[in-house]
Amino acid sequence: MSTNKPNKPKQVSWFNGPGGRIGIVVGQSGEHAYIGMALRHDEDADVEHILLYGAKFPLAAALLLPVSKSYPAPEK
């Protein structure tokens, strides 16, 4: 399994799908969002896992989805 570039989450959108919850995560940087299944019982751990191993999802489409949770911008 390949990994994506390290990134921090900006927002996540959760949807109920067949077999569980599906998350679409927008990172603080990058040209893509990422989509994946919730595999753990911890939402933040699921978001980190999707950012690392999720499939690429069009960023423009992800930004149109309703936001389930927003994350603060990292301090510089």
C-alpha atoms as a PDB file:
ATOM      1  CA  MET A   1       0.000   0.000   0.000  1.00  0.00           C
ATOM      2  CA  SER A   2       1.451   3.352  -0.961  1.00  0.00           C
ATOM      3  CA  THR A   3       1.222   6.442   1.180  1.00  0.00           C
ATOM      4  CA  ASN A   4       0.327  10.009   0.309  1.00  0.00           C
ATOM      5  CA  LYS A   5       2.472  13.032   1.152  1.00  0.00           C
ATOM      6  CA  PRO A   6       2.273  13.964   4.850  1.00  0.00           C
ATOM      7  CA  ASN A   7      -0.506  16.472   5.385  1.00  0.00           C
ATOM      8  CA  LYS A   8      -2.716  17.817   8.156  1.00  0.00           C
ATOM      9  CA  PRO A   9      -6.513  17.827   7.817  1.00  0.00           C
ATOM     10  CA  LYS A  10      -8.439  20.997   7.055  1.00  0.00           C
ATOM     11  CA  GLN A  11     -11.938  19.511   6.936  1.00  0.00           C
ATOM     12  CA  VAL A  12     -13.747  16.197   6.632  1.00  0.00           C
ATOM     13  CA  SER A  13     -17.133  15.253   5.212  1.00  0.00           C
ATOM     14  CA  TRP A  14     -18.693  11.984   6.441  1.00  0.00           C
ATOM     15  CA  PHE A  15     -21.317   9.961   4.591  1.00  0.00           C
ATOM     16  CA  ASN A  16     -23.034   6.664   5.351  1.00  0.00           C
ATOM     17  CA  GLY A  17     -22.262   4.087   2.706  1.00  0.00           C
ATOM     18  CA  PRO A  18     -22.658   0.364   2.220  1.00  0.00           C
ATOM     19  CA  GLY A  19     -20.495  -1.310   4.835  1.00  0.00           C
ATOM     20  CA  GLY A  20     -19.766   1.768   6.931  1.00  0.00           C
ATOM     21  CA  ARG A  21     -18.917   5.441   6.934  1.00  0.00           C
ATOM     22  CA  ILE A  22     -17.057   7.083   4.076  1.00  0.00           C
ATOM     23  CA  GLY A  23     -14.862  10.101   4.723  1.00  0.00           C
ATOM     24  CA  ILE A  24     -13.637  12.722   2.285  1.00  0.00           C
ATOM     25  CA  VAL A  25     -10.734  14.640   3.793  1.00  0.00           C
ATOM     26  CA  VAL A  26      -9.357  17.949   2.539  1.00  0.00           C
ATOM     27  CA  GLY A  27      -5.796  18.613   3.637  1.00  0.00           C
ATOM     28  CA  GLN A  28      -4.197  21.922   4.593  1.00  0.00           C
ATOM     29  CA  SER A  29      -2.114  21.710   1.400  1.00  0.00           C
ATOM     30  CA  GLY A  30      -2.129  19.810  -1.871  1.00  0.00           C
ATOM     31  CA  GLU A  31      -4.101  19.539  -5.092  1.00  0.00           C
ATOM     32  CA  HIS A  32      -6.364  16.655  -4.069  1.00  0.00           C
ATOM     33  CA  ALA A  33      -8.705  15.590  -1.306  1.00  0.00           C
ATOM     34  CA  TYR A  34      -8.735  11.947  -0.204  1.00  0.00           C
ATOM     35  CA  ILE A  35     -11.573   9.449   0.187  1.00  0.00           C
ATOM     36  CA  GLY A  36     -11.644   6.327   2.324  1.00  0.00           C
ATOM     37  CA  MET A  37     -13.617   4.161   4.732  1.00  0.00           C
ATOM     38  CA  ALA A  38     -13.771   4.667   8.492  1.00  0.00           C
ATOM     39  CA  LEU A  39     -11.919   1.607   9.807  1.00  0.00           C
ATOM     40  CA  ARG A  40     -11.385   2.597  13.418  1.00  0.00           C
ATOM     41  CA  HIS A  41     -13.674   3.700  16.228  1.00  0.00           C
ATOM     42  CA  ASP A  42     -11.928   7.060  16.545  1.00  0.00           C
ATOM     43  CA  GLU A  43     -12.887   9.769  14.056  1.00  0.00           C
ATOM     44  CA  ASP A  44      -9.557  11.623  14.244  1.00  0.00           C
ATOM     45  CA  ALA A  45      -7.614   8.375  13.693  1.00  0.00           C
ATOM     46  CA  ASP A  46      -9.831   7.643  10.677  1.00  0.00           C
ATOM     47  CA  VAL A  47      -9.095  11.097   9.248  1.00  0.00           C
ATOM     48  CA  GLU A  48      -5.325  10.577   9.650  1.00  0.00           C
ATOM     49  CA  HIS A  49      -5.572   7.127   8.023  1.00  0.00           C
ATOM     50  CA  ILE A  50      -7.549   8.503   5.062  1.00  0.00           C
ATOM     51  CA  LEU A  51      -4.987  11.300   4.577  1.00  0.00           C
ATOM     52  CA  LEU A  52      -2.177   8.718   4.533  1.00  0.00           C
ATOM     53  CA  TYR A  53      -3.762   5.913   2.504  1.00  0.00           C
ATOM     54  CA  GLY A  54      -6.967   7.234   0.925  1.00  0.00           C
ATOM     55  CA  ALA A  55      -7.622   7.410  -2.789  1.00  0.00           C
ATOM     56  CA  LYS A  56      -7.276  10.785  -4.476  1.00  0.00           C
ATOM     57  CA  PHE A  57     -10.522  12.716  -4.833  1.00  0.00           C
ATOM     58  CA  PRO A  58     -11.021  15.946  -6.845  1.00  0.00           C
ATOM     59  CA  LEU A  59     -10.366  18.913  -4.545  1.00  0.00           C
ATOM     60  CA  ALA A  60     -12.923  21.159  -6.274  1.00  0.00           C
ATOM     61  CA  ALA A  61     -15.663  18.566  -5.706  1.00  0.00           C
ATOM     62  CA  ALA A  62     -14.654  17.997  -2.072  1.00  0.00           C
ATOM     63  CA  LEU A  63     -14.930  21.720  -1.338  1.00  0.00           C
ATOM     64  CA  LEU A  64     -18.595  21.663  -2.459  1.00  0.00           C
ATOM     65  CA  LEU A  65     -19.572  18.967   0.070  1.00  0.00           C
ATOM     66  CA  PRO A  66     -21.116  19.769   3.451  1.00  0.00           C
ATOM     67  CA  VAL A  67     -18.409  19.920   6.131  1.00  0.00           C
ATOM     68  CA  SER A  68     -18.852  17.505   9.041  1.00  0.00           C
ATOM     69  CA  LYS A  69     -15.832  18.788  10.982  1.00  0.00           C
ATOM     70  CA  SER A  70     -13.265  21.549  10.474  1.00  0.00           C
ATOM     71  CA  TYR A  71      -9.745  21.513  11.878  1.00  0.00           C
ATOM     72  CA  PRO A  72      -7.754  24.602  12.905  1.00  0.00           C
ATOM     73  CA  ALA A  73      -4.882  25.725  10.699  1.00  0.00           C
ATOM     74  CA  PRO A  74      -1.492  24.640  12.038  1.00  0.00           C
ATOM     75  CA  GLU A  75       0.471  27.377  13.780  1.00  0.00           C
ATOM     76  CA  LYS A  76       3.620  28.504  12.013  1.00  0.00           C
END
